[in-house]
Each structure stands twice: as C-alpha cells, then as structure tokens.
Protein backbone atom coordinates (compact mmCIF):
# COMPACT_ATOMS: atom_id res chain seq x y z
CA MET A 1 -0.11 0.13 -0.26
CA ALA A 2 1.39 3.68 -0.81
CA ASP A 3 2.84 5.93 2.04
CA ILE A 4 2.56 8.92 -0.28
CA VAL A 5 -0.73 9.30 -2.39
CA ILE A 6 -0.75 12.14 -4.64
CA THR A 7 -4.83 12.58 -6.41
CA GLU A 8 -4.40 15.86 -8.65
CA PHE A 9 -1.59 16.61 -11.74
CA MET A 10 1.71 16.84 -10.49
CA ASP A 11 5.16 17.45 -11.89
CA GLU A 12 6.25 13.99 -12.73
CA ALA A 13 10.45 14.97 -12.25
CA ALA A 14 8.75 15.82 -8.87
CA VAL A 15 6.63 12.38 -8.13
CA GLY A 16 10.11 10.74 -8.99
CA ARG A 17 11.93 11.91 -6.40
CA LEU A 18 9.28 10.19 -4.33
CA VAL A 19 9.24 7.02 -5.69
CA ARG A 20 12.57 6.68 -5.23
CA VAL A 21 12.34 7.21 -1.66
CA HIS A 22 8.61 5.88 -1.14
CA ASP A 23 5.84 3.65 -2.43
CA THR A 24 4.01 6.11 -3.73
CA LEU A 25 1.13 6.16 -5.61
CA TYR A 26 0.47 8.91 -8.46
CA ASP A 27 -2.95 9.47 -9.95
CA PRO A 28 -4.47 12.45 -11.15
CA LYS A 29 -7.74 11.04 -11.10
CA LEU A 30 -7.83 9.74 -8.11
CA VAL A 31 -9.70 13.16 -7.28
CA ASP A 32 -12.54 12.09 -9.08
CA ASP A 33 -12.93 8.77 -6.93
CA PRO A 34 -13.90 9.54 -2.94
CA ALA A 35 -13.99 5.74 -2.47
CA ALA A 36 -10.71 4.37 -4.54
CA LEU A 37 -9.28 7.77 -2.91
CA HIS A 38 -10.42 6.14 0.84
CA ASP A 39 -9.17 2.60 0.11
CA HIS A 40 -5.12 4.14 -0.61
CA LEU A 41 -5.30 6.43 2.28
CA THR A 42 -5.08 3.63 4.54
CA SER A 43 -1.53 2.68 4.38
CA ALA A 44 -0.70 6.71 3.78
CA ARG A 45 1.46 8.79 5.73
CA ALA A 46 1.54 12.00 3.60
CA LEU A 47 -1.14 12.92 1.49
CA ILE A 48 -0.48 15.82 -1.80
CA VAL A 49 -3.44 17.52 -3.68
CA ARG A 50 -4.37 20.74 -5.72
CA ASN A 51 -7.53 22.51 -4.46
CA ARG A 52 -10.03 20.25 -6.15
CA THR A 53 -9.81 17.19 -3.57
CA GLN A 54 -12.02 18.58 -0.06
CA VAL A 55 -9.44 17.19 2.56
CA ARG A 56 -12.34 17.32 5.46
CA GLU A 57 -13.31 14.93 8.62
CA THR A 58 -14.15 11.96 6.73
CA LEU A 59 -11.18 11.80 3.95
CA LEU A 60 -8.32 12.35 7.06
CA SER A 61 -11.00 9.52 8.82
CA MET A 62 -9.94 7.43 6.23
CA GLY A 63 -6.44 8.08 6.87
CA PRO A 64 -5.43 7.31 10.24
CA LYS A 65 -1.49 6.92 9.87
CA LEU A 66 -1.47 10.62 7.40
CA ARG A 67 0.97 12.82 9.19
CA VAL A 68 1.05 15.34 6.56
CA VAL A 69 -0.59 17.33 3.80
CA GLY A 70 1.65 18.91 0.63
CA ARG A 71 -0.68 21.44 -1.36
CA LEU A 72 0.00 21.98 -4.32
CA GLY A 73 -0.71 25.50 -4.36
CA VAL A 74 -1.12 28.30 -1.48
CA GLY A 75 -5.20 28.89 -0.88
CA LEU A 76 -6.33 25.87 2.18
CA ASP A 77 -9.86 26.49 1.52
CA ASN A 78 -10.28 22.98 1.07
CA ILE A 79 -8.57 21.81 3.21
CA ASP A 80 -9.67 21.59 6.86
CA VAL A 81 -6.51 23.02 8.92
CA VAL A 82 -8.24 22.85 12.74
CA ALA A 83 -9.06 19.32 11.38
CA CYS A 84 -5.23 18.53 10.90
CA LYS A 85 -4.34 19.97 13.76
CA ALA A 86 -6.69 18.15 16.06
CA ARG A 87 -4.76 14.72 14.52
CA SER A 88 -1.75 16.06 14.52
CA ILE A 89 -1.67 16.54 10.89
CA SER A 90 1.28 19.28 9.62
CA VAL A 91 -0.13 21.55 6.50
CA ILE A 92 1.97 22.72 3.90
CA PRO A 93 1.63 24.77 1.41
CA ALA A 94 3.56 26.11 -1.36
CA THR A 95 4.62 29.70 0.21
CA GLY A 96 4.92 31.64 -3.01
CA ALA A 97 6.02 29.25 -5.49
CA ASN A 98 3.51 30.49 -7.87
CA ASP A 99 3.43 34.64 -7.25
CA LEU A 100 4.64 35.71 -10.30
CA SER A 101 2.48 32.82 -12.21
CA VAL A 102 -0.92 34.95 -10.63
CA ALA A 103 1.35 38.59 -10.98
CA GLU A 104 1.76 38.19 -14.98
CA TYR A 105 -2.05 36.49 -15.71
CA VAL A 106 -3.17 39.48 -13.04
CA ILE A 107 -0.94 42.51 -15.90
CA THR A 108 -2.29 39.90 -19.39
CA SER A 109 -5.74 40.45 -17.78
CA ALA A 110 -5.62 43.69 -17.54
CA LEU A 111 -3.65 44.93 -20.95
CA MET A 112 -5.81 42.47 -22.63
CA LEU A 113 -8.87 43.76 -21.43
CA LEU A 114 -8.20 47.82 -21.53
CA ARG A 115 -6.83 47.22 -25.19
CA SER A 116 -10.42 45.35 -26.20
CA ALA A 117 -8.72 44.10 -29.21
CA PHE A 118 -7.53 40.70 -28.28
CA LEU A 119 -10.87 39.56 -28.18
CA ARG A 120 -12.29 39.96 -31.70
CA THR A 121 -9.73 37.99 -33.99
CA ALA A 122 -13.88 36.25 -35.20
CA ASP A 123 -14.68 40.01 -36.44
CA VAL A 124 -11.74 40.56 -37.85
CA VAL A 125 -11.38 37.37 -39.68
CA ALA A 126 -14.38 37.99 -40.70
CA GLY A 127 -13.36 41.41 -42.95
CA GLU A 128 -15.11 43.71 -40.02
CA TRP A 129 -11.53 45.51 -40.10
CA PRO A 130 -12.97 47.52 -36.58
CA ARG A 131 -10.57 49.55 -35.68
CA GLN A 132 -12.68 52.14 -34.08
CA SER A 133 -14.39 49.62 -31.77
CA MET A 134 -11.03 48.39 -30.50
CA MET A 135 -8.47 51.27 -30.26
CA GLY A 136 -8.90 50.84 -26.46
CA ARG A 137 -6.94 51.79 -23.62
CA GLU A 138 -2.95 51.98 -22.56
CA LEU A 139 -2.33 50.54 -19.26
CA ALA A 140 0.27 53.19 -18.08
CA GLY A 141 -1.15 56.26 -15.82
CA LYS A 142 -4.17 54.42 -15.05
CA THR A 143 -4.57 53.42 -11.60
CA ILE A 144 -4.80 49.64 -10.02
CA GLY A 145 -6.29 48.53 -6.69
CA LEU A 146 -5.47 45.96 -4.72
CA ILE A 147 -8.16 44.39 -2.43
CA GLY A 148 -5.65 42.36 0.01
CA TYR A 149 -2.11 43.01 -0.06
CA GLY A 150 -0.07 39.46 0.00
CA SER A 151 2.77 38.47 -1.62
CA ILE A 152 1.05 37.89 -4.95
CA ALA A 153 -0.45 41.48 -4.83
CA ARG A 154 2.61 42.80 -4.16
CA GLU A 155 4.51 41.61 -7.44
CA VAL A 156 1.47 42.75 -9.03
CA ALA A 157 1.67 46.08 -7.93
CA TRP A 158 5.75 46.06 -8.75
CA ARG A 159 5.44 44.92 -12.31
CA ALA A 160 1.96 47.57 -13.07
CA HIS A 161 4.14 50.16 -10.78
CA MET A 162 7.68 49.51 -13.52
CA MET A 163 4.56 49.62 -16.30
CA GLY A 164 3.33 53.33 -15.33
CA MET A 165 0.98 52.32 -13.83
CA GLN A 166 -0.86 53.74 -9.96
CA ILE A 167 -1.22 51.15 -6.67
CA VAL A 168 -4.14 51.87 -3.81
CA ALA A 169 -4.82 48.74 -1.67
CA TYR A 170 -6.55 47.78 0.98
CA ASP A 171 -5.48 45.57 3.78
CA PRO A 172 -6.15 45.85 7.34
CA TYR A 173 -3.89 42.61 8.55
CA LEU A 174 -0.72 44.52 6.86
CA MET A 175 1.50 46.36 9.14
CA ALA A 176 1.52 49.76 8.01
CA ASP A 177 5.04 50.52 8.14
CA HIS A 178 5.76 47.24 6.28
CA PRO A 179 8.36 47.62 2.98
CA GLY A 180 4.77 47.20 0.31
CA TRP A 181 3.71 50.54 1.18
CA GLN A 182 6.44 52.49 -0.74
CA ILE A 183 4.88 51.78 -4.10
CA ALA A 184 1.04 51.22 -3.04
CA ARG A 185 -1.28 53.91 -0.99
CA ASN A 186 -3.08 52.39 1.64
CA VAL A 187 -6.40 53.69 0.85
CA SER A 188 -9.71 51.91 2.57
CA LEU A 189 -11.84 49.60 0.60
CA ASP A 190 -14.60 52.08 -0.39
CA ALA A 191 -11.43 54.01 -1.83
CA VAL A 192 -9.88 51.40 -3.87
CA LEU A 193 -13.23 50.62 -5.59
CA GLU A 194 -13.83 54.00 -6.36
CA LEU A 195 -10.80 55.19 -7.46
CA SER A 196 -8.79 52.54 -9.52
CA ASP A 197 -9.22 51.49 -13.46
CA VAL A 198 -8.98 48.59 -12.92
CA VAL A 199 -9.62 46.33 -9.71
CA SER A 200 -7.77 43.28 -8.79
CA LEU A 201 -8.70 40.44 -5.44
CA HIS A 202 -6.73 38.78 -3.10
CA THR A 203 -8.04 37.94 -0.59
CA PRO A 204 -8.49 34.14 0.92
CA LEU A 205 -12.54 33.14 0.45
CA THR A 206 -13.95 33.82 4.30
CA ASP A 207 -17.41 34.43 6.15
CA ALA A 208 -15.97 38.10 5.97
CA THR A 209 -15.03 38.43 2.12
CA ARG A 210 -17.65 36.50 0.66
CA ASN A 211 -19.15 37.36 -1.96
CA ILE A 212 -17.30 41.40 -1.36
CA ILE A 213 -17.99 42.18 -4.52
CA ASN A 214 -21.51 42.22 -4.95
CA ASP A 215 -23.98 44.53 -6.89
CA GLU A 216 -23.32 47.53 -3.87
CA ALA A 217 -19.73 47.47 -4.26
CA LEU A 218 -19.96 47.70 -8.35
CA SER A 219 -22.10 50.25 -8.12
CA ARG A 220 -18.93 51.99 -6.71
CA MET A 221 -16.59 51.05 -9.50
CA LYS A 222 -15.90 53.55 -12.46
CA PRO A 223 -18.09 52.10 -15.35
CA ASP A 224 -15.13 51.08 -17.63
CA ALA A 225 -13.72 49.95 -15.25
CA ILE A 226 -12.16 46.45 -14.92
CA LEU A 227 -12.24 43.29 -12.16
CA ILE A 228 -9.87 40.61 -11.99
CA ASN A 229 -9.99 37.59 -9.71
CA ALA A 230 -7.16 35.37 -9.55
CA ALA A 231 -7.90 34.69 -6.09
CA ARG A 232 -11.21 32.47 -4.63
CA GLY A 233 -14.78 31.61 -6.24
CA GLY A 234 -17.47 33.04 -4.06
CA ILE A 235 -15.73 36.75 -3.37
CA VAL A 236 -17.74 37.97 -6.32
CA ASP A 237 -21.06 37.58 -6.60
CA GLU A 238 -21.33 35.87 -10.04
CA ALA A 239 -24.16 37.29 -11.30
CA ALA A 240 -24.79 40.65 -10.05
CA LEU A 241 -20.93 40.98 -12.22
CA ALA A 242 -22.43 39.87 -14.86
CA GLU A 243 -25.94 41.82 -15.34
CA ALA A 244 -22.99 44.73 -14.62
CA LEU A 245 -20.90 43.82 -17.78
CA LYS A 246 -24.56 43.34 -20.09
CA ALA A 247 -25.93 46.86 -18.41
CA GLY A 248 -22.64 48.46 -19.13
CA ARG A 249 -21.66 49.14 -16.04
CA LEU A 250 -18.28 47.62 -16.14
CA GLY A 251 -15.54 47.66 -18.50
CA GLY A 252 -14.64 43.98 -18.59
CA ALA A 253 -13.81 41.54 -15.83
CA ALA A 254 -11.51 38.28 -16.12
CA LEU A 255 -12.24 35.57 -13.95
CA ASP A 256 -10.18 32.49 -13.29
CA VAL A 257 -11.88 31.28 -10.24
CA PHE A 258 -15.46 30.14 -9.44
CA GLU A 259 -17.96 30.07 -6.43
CA THR A 260 -18.91 26.39 -8.32
CA GLU A 261 -15.53 24.57 -9.71
CA PRO A 262 -15.63 22.66 -11.79
CA LEU A 263 -17.42 25.46 -13.74
CA THR A 264 -20.57 23.30 -14.87
CA ALA A 265 -22.38 24.67 -18.07
CA GLU A 266 -25.54 25.15 -15.77
CA ALA A 267 -23.35 27.72 -13.87
CA GLY A 268 -21.37 29.45 -16.81
CA ALA A 269 -24.98 29.89 -18.52
CA THR A 270 -24.74 32.99 -16.55
CA PHE A 271 -21.55 34.78 -18.58
CA LYS A 272 -23.34 33.37 -21.92
CA GLY A 273 -22.91 36.79 -24.20
CA LEU A 274 -21.19 38.35 -22.81
CA GLU A 275 -18.45 39.42 -24.91
CA ASN A 276 -16.01 41.94 -22.43
CA LEU A 277 -15.01 38.45 -20.45
CA VAL A 278 -12.30 36.49 -20.11
CA LEU A 279 -13.15 33.22 -18.10
CA THR A 280 -10.32 30.42 -17.30
CA PRO A 281 -10.05 27.38 -15.32
CA HIS A 282 -8.49 27.95 -12.35
CA ILE A 283 -4.67 28.51 -14.22
CA ALA A 284 -3.99 31.68 -12.95
CA GLY A 285 -0.99 30.40 -10.85
CA VAL A 286 -0.42 27.29 -13.17
CA THR A 287 2.25 27.41 -15.19
CA GLY A 288 4.95 24.37 -17.08
CA GLU A 289 7.93 26.97 -14.41
CA SER A 290 5.60 27.23 -11.36
CA ASN A 291 4.62 24.01 -11.55
CA GLU A 292 8.02 22.78 -11.28
CA ARG A 293 8.74 25.03 -8.64
CA VAL A 294 5.31 24.18 -6.17
CA SER A 295 5.67 20.13 -6.69
CA HIS A 296 9.69 20.41 -5.70
CA LEU A 297 9.00 22.42 -3.62
CA ILE A 298 5.79 20.24 -1.78
CA ALA A 299 8.00 16.81 -2.79
CA ASP A 300 11.20 18.31 -0.28
CA LYS A 301 8.76 20.03 2.34
CA VAL A 302 6.31 16.39 2.18
CA LEU A 303 10.40 13.96 2.97
CA GLU A 304 11.32 16.51 5.06
CA ALA A 305 8.38 15.16 7.17
CA LEU A 306 8.70 11.77 6.25
CA GLY A 307 12.44 11.67 6.99
CA SER A 308 14.05 11.05 4.03
CA LYS A 309 15.85 12.77 1.17
CA ALA A 310 15.56 12.80 -2.64
C-alpha cells in the first residue's frame, strides 16, 4: 500500500523523487473517485493535493496514519486545517512558488481588457476591420487597486508600478510600516473601488470576504473599470457581475476562479453572450515553470516531514 498518495497533477520529475524513496501512488484521477481515494489512504502517511480534493473530516478519518498534507498551491480553502491540527497532521502549502505566475496573469488580463482588441479575432477574420471600436486604452497612467496586499498582490504592484500605473491597496491585516506600502497608497475598500481603473482581488475566501464584490460594490466602481479575480471563487457575486457587464456598468472582467468548480454549463450560462469577459479554469498560478517550482517545493517538504531525502 502507498506511503504517499497524490490525487491531482504534479510535475513528473518531482513525483519521481518521491517514488525513489517511498511507495508512492500518483493518480490525478483520484480527485474524482472518492471511494478509491479512501481505500488508498489506509496506509498513507502523506497526502498531496491541489485545490479540488476536499480534505475534510471524512477523508481524514480514512487515513489514520497521515502525518502531512502537501498543497500544490497556496490557498487552503479545501483543507480543514483545524481538523488536521487536531490529528497532528502538518499542512504545507507551496507558499511563494506560484506568485509570479498569478501576477503575470493579472497584468496580462488587465492589458487584454483595457486594450479590448484581443477578444475580437472573429470580427477581423470576417473582414469587418473594426479599428475605431478596437482602439482601447493604455495601462500606463491608470490606477490599479488591490484588495488584499499579500505576497502575490505585491508582485502585481511591482509590475504595475514598472509599467507606469498608480497603485492603491486595501489590507487591514498588513502592518502600516511594511515595505510594500512604499509603492502603494494604503486606502479603504471603498477608495479602492472608487479610484481604480483596474481592481484585482487577492483575498482568501472567508465569511468576511464572501461576495465582497456584490452589486453595491460594483456600483462604486468606475463604469469603464476592469475587475480581475484570480484569488478564490465566492468572493465575487457572479450574477451581479454578469448583470453589471450586460448593462454596461463595468468595462470588463477576468475570472479564473468560480463559486462552482469545475464551472458547470448551468453555472456558466450566467456569463453567456458577454464579450468583455475572460474566463479561465483556475490556471492563473499554473504555468510550466510554476508547476515545477510548486511540485519540487512540496516534494522537499513532504520528504522532510517523513524524515527522508531525495
């Protein structure tokens, strides 16, 4: 029986390092087969997941020997950290390993939506040649507002600053003397919404942040502003966002995360017909390079937790 169980995709070289030292089961399809996963956990001392595997009390009870849960990413919404602590199970996220990928996703999305040209290939192919309606706007000189100012948001801020943007941010948990505030104005949530040409979300999903971007918040934003959510589904009221886009009360949006994941056809119908919208399947932090960094970091930490090296 496996000593290490991996339920979602991981860099093959990092998996190989684990296989050389421990009996390791790597099956990215296990996330969709709870019964099989529960069977394999009987002897496992380590479990490695991404964001879809729900590490709750039921699953933990199936793994009496578990000592460590490695998270191939940073958010812990899918892991009951309190229940793990009660069982003396270490929870290890890949802190910092995909910051760059998410930051590049945010900047790219802002560029695409402000410029407005990159979503209309079909019009050009059809011979419409819509130059005037595709002129768009520049990033330089605009204001980006960051809701949450953790490490990923600060990566975004640095890149935005280098591209000539003004930066405002809201984060009640970051000390006022943190070096990150040297390039960003520390303002209220309302000020971020009202001042920003681009609003990017960087908070965990909690009771306090659920639907923090609702109809009222959207009404405070500039009518041509861009909203980007590469943080967590549930922070944005998706129905309210769709209505704002349809009514022309918002310039555009990019969503990489959703309240329902994977996004079903039924849930996705909320966004049908919207042209000023970019939807991606929770991949902002997943590039070839970040997958290697995340995977090897977690391999290192899991091996260390199990008292071995490779």
